[in-house]
Amino acid sequence: MTDITGQDRVLIFDTTLRDGEQSPGATMSHAEKLEIAELLDDMGVDIIEAGFPIASEGDFRAVKEIAERSRDAVICGLARANPTDIDRCWEAVRHAARPRIHTFIGTSPLHRAIPNLTQDEMAERIHETVSHARNLCDNVQWSPMDATRTEWEYLKRVVEIAIKAGATTINIPDTVGYTAPVESADLIRRLIAEVPGAEEIVFATHCHNDLGMATANALAAVAGGARQIECTINGLGERAGNTALEEVVMALKVRNDIMPWTTGVDTTKIMNVSRRVATVSGFPVQFNKAIVGKNAFAHESGIHQDGMLKNAETFEIMRPEDIGLASTSLVLGKHSGRAALRAKLQDLGYKLGENQLKDVFVRFKELADRKKEVYDEDIIALMRAGEDAANDHLVIQSLRVVCGTGGPAEAELAMTVGGAEKQATARGDGPVDATFRAVREIWPNEAHLELYQVHAVTEGTDAQATVSVRLEEEGNIATGQSADTDTVVASARAYVNALNRLIVRRGRLGEDQKEISYKDAG
């Protein structure tokens, strides 16, 4: 596709709020979805896939409100290949300034076997459902799920059917991360060359990262003629994730010599959005993650440090400022004041009112008294730990643990449950086990602990420990995180945080969060 300036332009289709949220434990609240959508719109994302409206009442409300609030981006909803899904999707996105319906069906032999459809029966369903969507909306995207494992002749056939039925964008998903870059480019190139009407529509690519090639496959597809890349912030998504927005955008910017395509994304806002998505999803960014990882612009080797001091380009192919990362770090400690903290928070993408700042400053001082230096990662962990406390049903008031070689650990816990204070004492195999047992004494539950993970936010014996907990109960999955210089305290708060998310999801506080089963669109 060519934009009004005559430059070859690649559309950025962000599916963080749909495919990204399908990651087990990454469910976001209604307010969080609205916030992320606003950040994506402000950053210049072309299309925002805001959710799967038929999946739940909560998803429908989120997509509808995002559509009503959107300024510049196309707002897209996902729908399976049936009229009910498509009608519900249209109802959610119709009030957007630029709405889009995205409908899909699995076309590979493995996926055709699920609804037990013949090739002809599936072809007829594609024609009917894409036509139905186009009668409602003039911007329709169609995806043959598992396209890279679909027979070539059949893939050509159904793509042609979808185009004739009115699809304006054809997305080619590598649903299981199976393809390789040379195949990705060739597939798009052949479709454009051999399918009648292909030159009139936009081809898109949606790549999963199961073999670690999602970004390479997406860029190869662009080289083959695709002009829309589907991606997520931080590569969030099913299994090993998706093409990461920050990777493709920066690759196009840095290597414009061999990939002469532009995007409308403001790269200086990438780090802010990356950190916010990591916070609300509960999925921290790995330290060595390309572009946005903690170590992406860090240098420890003496040779590297010497080179950086003489010329930053010696070991950095992009500038920290290009993604919105400050080139210098403001070191905070117990002598720092509110002005310094406010500046650091703004630098990290947090905008707080005076009352919020007062609360954070108190917690910051408590942390600074226990640490020599407070790093960026400490501040982010501090903000994450205190974000939802005001609305939590379960709140820890105090915790005292006795442990050692003399016998079982014992935890004395005081919590408020819906504002009423309760206490319990429990013993366990170690301080964390005793603490979790005390929580269950106060709030009985059958949640299964699927993940318990601890890592230090920064270095040193006074480092904050960030604890991640993943719980599963009756098919609902929730992730909780917390950070503290005391690992047991962080563990307790993370566990309770996950329980609070489960409480909301299973409707104990009156919210209708009933989910239906659905398949991934890519």
Protein backbone atom coordinates (compact mmCIF):
# COMPACT_ATOMS: atom_id res chain seq x y z
CA MET A 1 0.00 0.00 0.00
CA THR A 2 1.15 3.54 -0.75
CA ASP A 3 0.29 6.48 1.48
CA ILE A 4 -0.51 10.06 0.44
CA THR A 5 3.16 11.09 0.46
CA GLY A 6 3.99 8.48 -2.16
CA GLN A 7 6.14 6.48 0.25
CA ASP A 8 5.72 2.73 0.64
CA ARG A 9 4.09 2.35 4.04
CA VAL A 10 3.52 -0.62 6.34
CA LEU A 11 0.39 -0.58 8.50
CA ILE A 12 0.88 -1.59 12.13
CA PHE A 13 -1.98 -3.73 13.45
CA ASP A 14 -1.68 -4.15 17.22
CA THR A 15 -3.45 -7.12 18.81
CA THR A 16 -2.14 -6.76 22.38
CA LEU A 17 -5.69 -6.39 23.67
CA ARG A 18 -6.88 -9.52 21.84
CA ASP A 19 -4.13 -12.04 21.10
CA GLY A 20 -1.89 -10.64 23.82
CA GLU A 21 -4.59 -10.95 26.46
CA GLN A 22 -5.10 -14.60 25.51
CA SER A 23 -1.81 -15.40 27.26
CA PRO A 24 -2.75 -17.44 30.35
CA GLY A 25 -2.85 -15.07 33.31
CA ALA A 26 -2.58 -11.86 31.24
CA THR A 27 -6.21 -10.79 31.63
CA MET A 28 -6.57 -7.02 31.94
CA SER A 29 -9.26 -5.04 33.70
CA HIS A 30 -11.70 -2.83 31.80
CA ALA A 31 -9.88 0.36 32.84
CA GLU A 32 -6.51 -1.13 31.88
CA LYS A 33 -7.75 -2.02 28.39
CA LEU A 34 -9.01 1.52 27.85
CA GLU A 35 -5.70 2.93 29.02
CA ILE A 36 -3.60 0.68 26.77
CA ALA A 37 -5.84 1.45 23.77
CA GLU A 38 -5.37 5.18 24.36
CA LEU A 39 -1.59 4.74 24.55
CA LEU A 40 -1.56 2.73 21.32
CA ASP A 41 -3.69 5.32 19.54
CA ASP A 42 -1.44 8.12 20.78
CA MET A 43 1.66 6.20 19.63
CA GLY A 44 0.37 6.08 16.07
CA VAL A 45 -0.72 2.45 15.71
CA ASP A 46 -2.84 2.17 12.54
CA ILE A 47 -5.25 -0.58 13.62
CA ILE A 48 -6.06 -1.67 17.17
CA GLU A 49 -7.67 -5.08 17.55
CA ALA A 50 -9.52 -4.21 20.74
CA GLY A 51 -10.85 -7.67 21.58
CA PHE A 52 -13.20 -10.53 20.81
CA PRO A 53 -16.70 -9.08 21.47
CA ILE A 54 -18.56 -12.42 21.57
CA ALA A 55 -16.12 -13.91 24.12
CA SER A 56 -17.68 -12.21 27.15
CA GLU A 57 -19.83 -9.29 28.16
CA GLY A 58 -16.70 -7.65 29.59
CA ASP A 59 -14.86 -7.97 26.28
CA PHE A 60 -17.84 -6.52 24.40
CA ARG A 61 -18.02 -3.51 26.72
CA ALA A 62 -14.28 -2.87 26.38
CA VAL A 63 -14.30 -3.03 22.57
CA LYS A 64 -17.39 -0.80 22.39
CA GLU A 65 -15.95 1.87 24.67
CA ILE A 66 -12.56 1.79 22.94
CA ALA A 67 -14.39 2.27 19.62
CA GLU A 68 -16.30 5.23 20.99
CA ARG A 69 -13.15 6.83 22.43
CA SER A 70 -10.76 6.22 19.53
CA ARG A 71 -9.28 9.23 17.75
CA ASP A 72 -7.10 8.14 14.84
CA ALA A 73 -6.71 4.36 14.81
CA VAL A 74 -9.00 1.91 13.07
CA ILE A 75 -10.76 -0.11 15.79
CA CYS A 76 -11.15 -3.77 14.97
CA GLY A 77 -13.02 -6.62 16.64
CA LEU A 78 -12.56 -10.34 16.08
CA ALA A 79 -15.35 -12.71 15.00
CA ARG A 80 -15.54 -16.38 14.12
CA ALA A 81 -17.09 -17.43 10.81
CA ASN A 82 -20.73 -17.25 11.86
CA PRO A 83 -23.37 -14.48 11.67
CA THR A 84 -23.85 -14.27 15.46
CA ASP A 85 -20.18 -13.49 16.07
CA ILE A 86 -20.06 -11.02 13.21
CA ASP A 87 -23.22 -9.19 14.32
CA ARG A 88 -21.90 -8.91 17.87
CA CYS A 89 -18.56 -7.64 16.58
CA TRP A 90 -20.26 -4.98 14.46
CA GLU A 91 -22.40 -3.88 17.39
CA ALA A 92 -19.18 -3.29 19.38
CA VAL A 93 -17.13 -1.44 16.74
CA ARG A 94 -19.79 0.38 14.74
CA HIS A 95 -19.42 3.68 16.62
CA ALA A 96 -15.71 3.96 15.91
CA ALA A 97 -14.69 6.70 13.49
CA ARG A 98 -13.02 3.92 11.47
CA PRO A 99 -14.44 0.47 12.34
CA ARG A 100 -13.23 -2.92 11.06
CA ILE A 101 -14.60 -6.46 11.33
CA HIS A 102 -11.99 -9.25 11.42
CA THR A 103 -13.43 -12.69 10.77
CA PHE A 104 -11.53 -15.97 10.53
CA ILE A 105 -11.72 -19.72 10.08
CA GLY A 106 -9.09 -22.47 10.24
CA THR A 107 -8.33 -23.71 6.72
CA SER A 108 -5.58 -26.32 7.20
CA PRO A 109 -6.53 -30.03 7.20
CA LEU A 110 -6.12 -30.14 10.98
CA HIS A 111 -8.42 -27.17 11.48
CA ARG A 112 -11.00 -28.23 8.89
CA ALA A 113 -11.40 -31.47 10.87
CA ILE A 114 -12.57 -29.58 13.97
CA PRO A 115 -15.95 -28.46 12.50
CA ASN A 116 -15.86 -31.52 10.20
CA LEU A 117 -16.25 -29.48 7.01
CA THR A 118 -15.25 -30.51 3.51
CA GLN A 119 -13.25 -28.08 1.40
CA ASP A 120 -16.40 -27.11 -0.51
CA GLU A 121 -18.48 -26.66 2.65
CA MET A 122 -15.82 -24.45 4.19
CA ALA A 123 -15.48 -22.43 0.99
CA GLU A 124 -19.24 -21.76 1.05
CA ARG A 125 -19.09 -20.69 4.69
CA ILE A 126 -16.24 -18.28 3.93
CA HIS A 127 -18.25 -16.71 1.10
CA GLU A 128 -21.37 -16.34 3.25
CA THR A 129 -19.68 -14.93 6.35
CA VAL A 130 -17.33 -12.50 4.60
CA SER A 131 -20.28 -11.26 2.51
CA HIS A 132 -22.30 -10.82 5.71
CA ALA A 133 -19.51 -8.82 7.32
CA ARG A 134 -19.06 -6.63 4.24
CA ASN A 135 -22.80 -5.85 4.19
CA LEU A 136 -22.34 -4.38 7.67
CA CYS A 137 -18.93 -2.71 7.34
CA ASP A 138 -16.86 -1.51 4.38
CA ASN A 139 -13.60 -2.46 6.15
CA VAL A 140 -13.41 -6.26 6.48
CA GLN A 141 -10.38 -8.38 7.27
CA TRP A 142 -10.35 -12.13 6.72
CA SER A 143 -7.87 -14.70 8.06
CA PRO A 144 -7.37 -18.34 7.03
CA MET A 145 -6.11 -19.63 10.40
CA ASP A 146 -3.08 -21.92 10.08
CA ALA A 147 -2.53 -20.63 6.55
CA THR A 148 1.10 -21.77 6.47
CA ARG A 149 -0.02 -25.41 6.82
CA THR A 150 -2.92 -25.12 4.36
CA GLU A 151 -2.63 -26.85 0.96
CA TRP A 152 -1.44 -24.30 -1.60
CA GLU A 153 -4.22 -24.75 -4.14
CA TYR A 154 -6.89 -24.60 -1.45
CA LEU A 155 -5.32 -21.51 0.14
CA LYS A 156 -5.40 -19.73 -3.22
CA ARG A 157 -9.02 -20.77 -3.69
CA VAL A 158 -10.30 -19.48 -0.35
CA VAL A 159 -8.31 -16.25 -0.54
CA GLU A 160 -9.91 -15.54 -3.92
CA ILE A 161 -13.36 -16.32 -2.46
CA ALA A 162 -12.80 -13.92 0.44
CA ILE A 163 -11.65 -11.14 -1.88
CA LYS A 164 -14.67 -11.59 -4.17
CA ALA A 165 -16.96 -11.60 -1.09
CA GLY A 166 -15.67 -8.17 -0.11
CA ALA A 167 -12.63 -8.59 2.17
CA THR A 168 -10.40 -5.51 1.98
CA THR A 169 -7.53 -7.05 3.97
CA ILE A 170 -6.34 -10.66 3.76
CA ASN A 171 -4.28 -11.72 6.75
CA ILE A 172 -2.01 -14.77 6.40
CA PRO A 173 -1.40 -16.21 9.88
CA ASP A 174 1.50 -18.46 10.83
CA THR A 175 -0.65 -19.69 13.69
CA VAL A 176 1.82 -22.16 15.19
CA GLY A 177 5.08 -20.37 14.37
CA TYR A 178 5.93 -23.07 11.84
CA THR A 179 7.22 -21.21 8.80
CA ALA A 180 10.65 -19.77 7.98
CA PRO A 181 11.48 -16.33 6.49
CA VAL A 182 12.13 -17.56 2.95
CA GLU A 183 8.77 -19.38 2.97
CA SER A 184 6.98 -16.39 4.49
CA ALA A 185 8.15 -14.05 1.72
CA ASP A 186 7.43 -16.59 -1.03
CA LEU A 187 3.91 -17.30 0.21
CA ILE A 188 2.85 -13.64 0.07
CA ARG A 189 4.62 -13.10 -3.23
CA ARG A 190 2.84 -16.07 -4.86
CA LEU A 191 -0.58 -15.10 -3.52
CA ILE A 192 -0.24 -11.60 -4.96
CA ALA A 193 0.93 -12.99 -8.28
CA GLU A 194 -1.59 -15.82 -8.69
CA VAL A 195 -4.86 -14.84 -6.96
CA PRO A 196 -7.26 -12.71 -9.07
CA GLY A 197 -8.00 -9.38 -7.40
CA ALA A 198 -5.00 -9.61 -5.03
CA GLU A 199 -3.58 -6.34 -6.27
CA GLU A 200 -6.70 -4.49 -5.02
CA ILE A 201 -6.45 -5.45 -1.35
CA VAL A 202 -3.91 -5.30 1.49
CA PHE A 203 -2.09 -8.47 2.53
CA ALA A 204 -1.21 -8.81 6.20
CA THR A 205 1.03 -11.16 8.16
CA HIS A 206 0.49 -12.55 11.66
CA CYS A 207 3.44 -14.54 12.99
CA HIS A 208 3.84 -16.53 16.19
CA ASN A 209 7.20 -17.03 17.83
CA ASP A 210 7.28 -20.76 18.59
CA LEU A 211 10.62 -21.17 16.78
CA GLY A 212 11.88 -17.67 17.60
CA MET A 213 11.37 -16.36 14.06
CA ALA A 214 8.21 -14.23 14.35
CA THR A 215 9.85 -10.87 13.63
CA ALA A 216 12.01 -12.29 10.84
CA ASN A 217 8.98 -13.95 9.25
CA ALA A 218 6.93 -10.74 9.48
CA LEU A 219 9.63 -8.62 7.84
CA ALA A 220 10.15 -11.28 5.17
CA ALA A 221 6.42 -11.17 4.41
CA VAL A 222 6.70 -7.41 3.91
CA ALA A 223 9.56 -8.04 1.49
CA GLY A 224 7.17 -10.38 -0.34
CA GLY A 225 4.50 -7.69 -0.62
CA ALA A 226 2.56 -7.67 2.66
CA ARG A 227 1.73 -4.17 3.82
CA GLN A 228 0.26 -4.86 7.26
CA ILE A 229 2.09 -6.45 10.20
CA GLU A 230 0.07 -7.87 13.10
CA CYS A 231 2.00 -7.64 16.34
CA THR A 232 1.80 -7.07 20.09
CA ILE A 233 3.64 -4.94 22.63
CA ASN A 234 6.54 -6.94 24.14
CA GLY A 235 5.61 -9.84 21.85
CA LEU A 236 2.85 -10.83 24.28
CA GLY A 237 0.61 -13.67 23.11
CA GLU A 238 -0.28 -17.34 23.02
CA ARG A 239 2.49 -19.82 23.89
CA ALA A 240 5.83 -18.20 22.91
CA GLY A 241 4.10 -14.99 21.84
CA ASN A 242 3.83 -12.94 18.64
CA THR A 243 5.83 -10.60 16.51
CA ALA A 244 6.85 -7.76 18.85
CA LEU A 245 5.73 -4.30 17.73
CA GLU A 246 8.89 -2.65 19.03
CA GLU A 247 11.09 -5.06 17.08
CA VAL A 248 9.49 -4.60 13.65
CA VAL A 249 9.13 -0.83 13.99
CA MET A 250 12.74 -0.31 15.07
CA ALA A 251 14.03 -2.78 12.48
CA LEU A 252 12.31 -0.76 9.75
CA LYS A 253 13.77 2.44 11.17
CA VAL A 254 17.33 1.20 11.71
CA ARG A 255 17.63 -0.81 8.48
CA ASN A 256 15.80 1.52 6.15
CA ASP A 257 18.64 0.96 3.68
CA ILE A 258 17.47 -2.60 2.90
CA MET A 259 13.86 -2.33 4.11
CA PRO A 260 12.69 0.98 2.64
CA TRP A 261 9.26 1.10 4.25
CA THR A 262 7.84 3.52 6.77
CA THR A 263 5.33 3.30 9.63
CA GLY A 264 3.36 5.94 11.46
CA VAL A 265 4.47 4.79 14.92
CA ASP A 266 6.15 7.37 17.18
CA THR A 267 9.11 5.28 18.35
CA THR A 268 9.91 7.63 21.26
CA LYS A 269 6.78 6.34 23.02
CA ILE A 270 7.66 2.65 22.74
CA MET A 271 9.33 2.27 26.14
CA ASN A 272 6.44 3.95 27.96
CA VAL A 273 3.87 1.63 26.36
CA SER A 274 6.09 -1.42 26.85
CA ARG A 275 6.43 -0.80 30.57
CA ARG A 276 2.74 -0.13 31.00
CA VAL A 277 1.71 -3.33 29.21
CA ALA A 278 4.20 -5.30 31.33
CA THR A 279 2.62 -3.82 34.45
CA VAL A 280 -1.04 -4.39 33.64
CA SER A 281 -0.56 -7.84 32.10
CA GLY A 282 1.65 -9.13 34.92
CA PHE A 283 4.19 -10.37 32.33
CA PRO A 284 7.56 -8.74 33.06
CA VAL A 285 9.88 -8.07 30.13
CA GLN A 286 12.89 -10.39 30.10
CA PHE A 287 16.15 -8.55 30.78
CA ASN A 288 17.72 -9.42 27.42
CA LYS A 289 14.58 -8.71 25.35
CA ALA A 290 15.40 -6.82 22.15
CA ILE A 291 14.73 -3.06 22.20
CA VAL A 292 12.86 -2.83 25.53
CA GLY A 293 14.72 -5.24 27.84
CA LYS A 294 16.60 -3.92 30.87
CA ASN A 295 19.93 -4.92 29.32
CA ALA A 296 19.19 -3.72 25.78
CA PHE A 297 21.32 -0.60 26.38
CA ALA A 298 23.50 -1.92 29.22
CA HIS A 299 27.23 -2.63 28.94
CA GLU A 300 29.34 -4.52 31.48
CA SER A 301 32.35 -5.78 29.51
CA GLY A 302 35.42 -3.57 29.86
CA ILE A 303 35.97 -3.58 26.10
CA HIS A 304 32.37 -2.55 25.49
CA GLN A 305 32.50 0.15 28.14
CA ASP A 306 35.68 1.60 26.68
CA GLY A 307 34.16 1.65 23.22
CA MET A 308 30.95 3.27 24.47
CA LEU A 309 32.89 6.04 26.23
CA LYS A 310 34.70 6.86 23.00
CA ASN A 311 31.75 6.49 20.62
CA ALA A 312 28.32 5.11 21.53
CA GLU A 313 27.83 3.81 17.98
CA THR A 314 30.66 1.34 18.58
CA PHE A 315 28.25 -1.03 20.34
CA GLU A 316 24.80 0.53 19.94
CA ILE A 317 22.92 0.52 16.62
CA MET A 318 20.19 2.81 17.96
CA ARG A 319 19.96 5.50 20.62
CA PRO A 320 18.08 5.02 23.90
CA GLU A 321 16.27 8.27 23.13
CA ASP A 322 14.85 6.70 19.96
CA ILE A 323 12.51 4.54 22.04
CA GLY A 324 11.84 7.08 24.80
CA LEU A 325 14.50 5.84 27.22
CA ALA A 326 16.48 8.54 29.04
CA SER A 327 20.13 8.53 28.09
CA THR A 328 21.15 9.13 31.68
CA SER A 329 19.80 7.60 34.87
CA LEU A 330 18.69 9.72 37.83
CA VAL A 331 19.86 7.80 40.89
CA LEU A 332 17.38 8.00 43.75
CA GLY A 333 17.99 7.33 47.44
CA LYS A 334 16.74 8.15 50.91
CA HIS A 335 17.81 11.80 50.61
CA SER A 336 15.82 12.39 47.41
CA GLY A 337 12.78 14.65 47.55
CA ARG A 338 9.38 14.64 45.90
CA ALA A 339 10.56 16.70 42.94
CA ALA A 340 13.18 14.11 42.03
CA LEU A 341 10.66 11.29 42.47
CA ARG A 342 8.07 13.07 40.33
CA ALA A 343 10.64 13.63 37.58
CA LYS A 344 11.67 9.99 37.65
CA LEU A 345 8.04 8.81 37.57
CA GLN A 346 7.32 11.05 34.58
CA ASP A 347 10.43 9.72 32.87
CA LEU A 348 9.09 6.19 33.41
CA GLY A 349 5.69 7.09 32.00
CA TYR A 350 3.68 7.62 35.22
CA LYS A 351 1.61 10.78 35.66
CA LEU A 352 0.35 11.16 39.23
CA GLY A 353 -1.81 13.68 41.03
CA GLU A 354 -0.66 15.24 44.29
CA ASN A 355 -2.48 12.74 46.51
CA GLN A 356 -1.16 9.79 44.53
CA LEU A 357 2.36 11.22 44.67
CA LYS A 358 2.14 11.59 48.47
CA ASP A 359 1.20 7.90 48.82
CA VAL A 360 3.96 6.74 46.47
CA PHE A 361 6.51 9.02 48.18
CA VAL A 362 5.80 7.40 51.55
CA ARG A 363 6.35 3.93 50.08
CA PHE A 364 9.43 5.16 48.22
CA LYS A 365 10.96 6.51 51.46
CA GLU A 366 10.26 3.21 53.22
CA LEU A 367 12.09 1.40 50.42
CA ALA A 368 14.95 3.93 50.26
CA ASP A 369 15.60 3.45 53.98
CA ARG A 370 16.28 -0.23 53.25
CA LYS A 371 18.37 0.23 50.08
CA LYS A 372 21.51 2.17 49.22
CA GLU A 373 20.23 3.14 45.79
CA VAL A 374 16.80 2.93 44.21
CA TYR A 375 16.92 2.03 40.52
CA ASP A 376 14.36 2.47 37.74
CA GLU A 377 13.33 -1.17 38.11
CA ASP A 378 12.71 -0.61 41.84
CA ILE A 379 10.39 2.29 41.08
CA ILE A 380 8.46 0.29 38.48
CA ALA A 381 8.10 -2.61 40.93
CA LEU A 382 6.94 -0.16 43.62
CA MET A 383 4.27 1.26 41.32
CA ARG A 384 3.12 -2.19 40.23
CA ALA A 385 2.80 -3.36 43.84
CA GLY A 386 0.54 -0.48 44.84
CA GLU A 387 -1.63 -0.09 41.76
CA ASP A 388 -4.84 -1.91 42.63
CA ALA A 389 -4.67 -1.93 46.43
CA ALA A 390 -7.46 0.61 46.85
CA ASN A 391 -9.98 -1.69 45.16
CA ASP A 392 -8.78 -5.02 46.55
CA HIS A 393 -11.20 -7.24 48.45
CA LEU A 394 -8.33 -8.89 50.33
CA VAL A 395 -5.65 -6.67 51.88
CA ILE A 396 -2.71 -7.75 54.03
CA GLN A 397 -2.35 -5.68 57.18
CA SER A 398 0.54 -7.42 58.92
CA LEU A 399 2.63 -10.56 58.66
CA ARG A 400 5.03 -12.15 61.14
CA VAL A 401 6.89 -15.35 60.27
CA VAL A 402 9.10 -17.52 62.47
CA CYS A 403 11.31 -20.05 60.70
CA GLY A 404 14.63 -21.81 61.04
CA THR A 405 16.18 -25.22 61.70
CA GLY A 406 14.24 -25.91 64.90
CA GLY A 407 10.92 -26.97 63.37
CA PRO A 408 8.12 -26.02 60.98
CA ALA A 409 7.73 -22.37 60.04
CA GLU A 410 4.84 -20.43 61.55
CA ALA A 411 3.06 -17.43 60.05
CA GLU A 412 0.84 -14.97 61.91
CA LEU A 413 -1.27 -13.04 59.42
CA ALA A 414 -3.76 -10.19 59.73
CA MET A 415 -5.88 -9.28 56.69
CA THR A 416 -8.96 -7.28 55.89
CA VAL A 417 -11.64 -9.08 53.93
CA GLY A 418 -14.05 -6.61 52.41
CA GLY A 419 -12.95 -4.14 55.08
CA ALA A 420 -13.36 -6.53 58.04
CA GLU A 421 -10.14 -7.52 59.80
CA LYS A 422 -9.39 -11.20 60.30
CA GLN A 423 -6.40 -13.07 61.72
CA ALA A 424 -4.94 -16.54 61.38
CA THR A 425 -1.88 -18.53 62.39
CA ALA A 426 -0.63 -21.44 60.30
CA ARG A 427 2.37 -23.75 60.09
CA GLY A 428 4.01 -24.99 56.93
CA ASP A 429 7.04 -26.40 55.21
CA GLY A 430 9.00 -23.14 55.13
CA PRO A 431 7.96 -19.51 55.56
CA VAL A 432 6.21 -19.14 52.18
CA ASP A 433 4.16 -22.33 52.60
CA ALA A 434 3.15 -21.25 56.12
CA THR A 435 2.14 -17.82 54.83
CA PHE A 436 0.03 -19.22 51.99
CA ARG A 437 -1.67 -21.60 54.44
CA ALA A 438 -2.50 -18.63 56.70
CA VAL A 439 -4.08 -16.84 53.74
CA ARG A 440 -6.21 -19.90 53.02
CA GLU A 441 -7.28 -20.02 56.69
CA ILE A 442 -8.67 -16.51 56.31
CA TRP A 443 -9.93 -16.88 52.73
CA PRO A 444 -10.66 -20.55 51.93
CA ASN A 445 -10.13 -21.32 48.26
CA GLU A 446 -9.42 -24.22 45.90
CA ALA A 447 -7.06 -22.29 43.63
CA HIS A 448 -4.16 -24.37 42.35
CA LEU A 449 -0.70 -22.79 42.48
CA GLU A 450 0.61 -23.17 38.91
CA LEU A 451 3.63 -20.91 39.20
CA TYR A 452 5.74 -19.44 41.98
CA GLN A 453 8.73 -17.47 40.75
CA VAL A 454 11.18 -15.16 42.48
CA HIS A 455 13.82 -12.92 40.98
CA ALA A 456 15.78 -9.92 42.23
CA VAL A 457 14.82 -6.62 40.65
CA THR A 458 18.30 -5.19 41.19
CA GLU A 459 21.62 -6.41 42.56
CA GLY A 460 22.80 -6.75 46.15
CA THR A 461 21.55 -8.26 49.39
CA ASP A 462 19.19 -5.30 49.82
CA ALA A 463 17.61 -5.87 46.42
CA GLN A 464 13.86 -6.03 46.05
CA ALA A 465 12.55 -9.48 45.29
CA THR A 466 9.82 -9.58 42.66
CA VAL A 467 7.52 -12.56 43.15
CA SER A 468 5.16 -13.83 40.46
CA VAL A 469 2.30 -16.17 41.37
CA ARG A 470 -0.08 -17.84 38.93
CA LEU A 471 -3.28 -19.44 40.23
CA GLU A 472 -5.87 -21.58 38.46
CA GLU A 473 -9.40 -22.18 39.70
CA GLU A 474 -12.14 -23.83 37.65
CA GLY A 475 -10.56 -22.76 34.38
CA ASN A 476 -9.91 -19.18 35.50
CA ILE A 477 -6.24 -18.17 35.56
CA ALA A 478 -4.89 -15.13 37.38
CA THR A 479 -1.39 -13.80 37.88
CA GLY A 480 -0.25 -11.71 40.82
CA GLN A 481 3.00 -9.84 41.31
CA SER A 482 4.61 -7.93 44.12
CA ALA A 483 8.03 -6.64 45.09
CA ASP A 484 9.64 -6.11 48.48
CA THR A 485 13.06 -6.38 50.05
CA ASP A 486 11.49 -9.16 52.16
CA THR A 487 10.85 -12.14 49.90
CA VAL A 488 8.17 -13.62 52.16
CA VAL A 489 6.23 -10.34 52.27
CA ALA A 490 6.46 -10.07 48.47
CA SER A 491 5.24 -13.67 48.20
CA ALA A 492 2.24 -13.01 50.43
CA ARG A 493 1.24 -9.90 48.52
CA ALA A 494 1.65 -11.58 45.12
CA TYR A 495 -0.50 -14.53 46.27
CA VAL A 496 -3.21 -12.23 47.61
CA ASN A 497 -3.03 -10.09 44.48
CA ALA A 498 -3.72 -13.18 42.34
CA LEU A 499 -6.62 -14.15 44.61
CA ASN A 500 -8.12 -10.67 44.20
CA ARG A 501 -8.02 -11.08 40.43
CA LEU A 502 -9.68 -14.49 40.70
CA ILE A 503 -12.39 -13.04 42.92
CA VAL A 504 -13.26 -10.47 40.25
CA ARG A 505 -13.15 -13.00 37.43
CA ARG A 506 -15.40 -15.57 39.08
CA GLY A 507 -17.99 -12.91 39.90
CA ARG A 508 -17.97 -13.08 43.70
CA LEU A 509 -18.16 -9.32 43.83
CA GLY A 510 -21.00 -9.07 41.33
CA GLU A 511 -19.08 -8.68 38.06
CA ASP A 512 -20.22 -10.82 35.15
CA GLN A 513 -16.95 -12.25 33.83
CA LYS A 514 -18.27 -15.46 32.28
CA GLU A 515 -16.04 -16.54 29.42
CA ILE A 516 -16.83 -18.72 26.40
CA SER A 517 -14.40 -21.04 24.70
CA TYR A 518 -12.90 -19.77 21.49
CA LYS A 519 -9.98 -20.40 19.16
CA ASP A 520 -7.09 -18.11 18.34
CA ALA A 521 -7.30 -16.17 15.08
CA GLY A 522 -3.62 -16.56 14.36
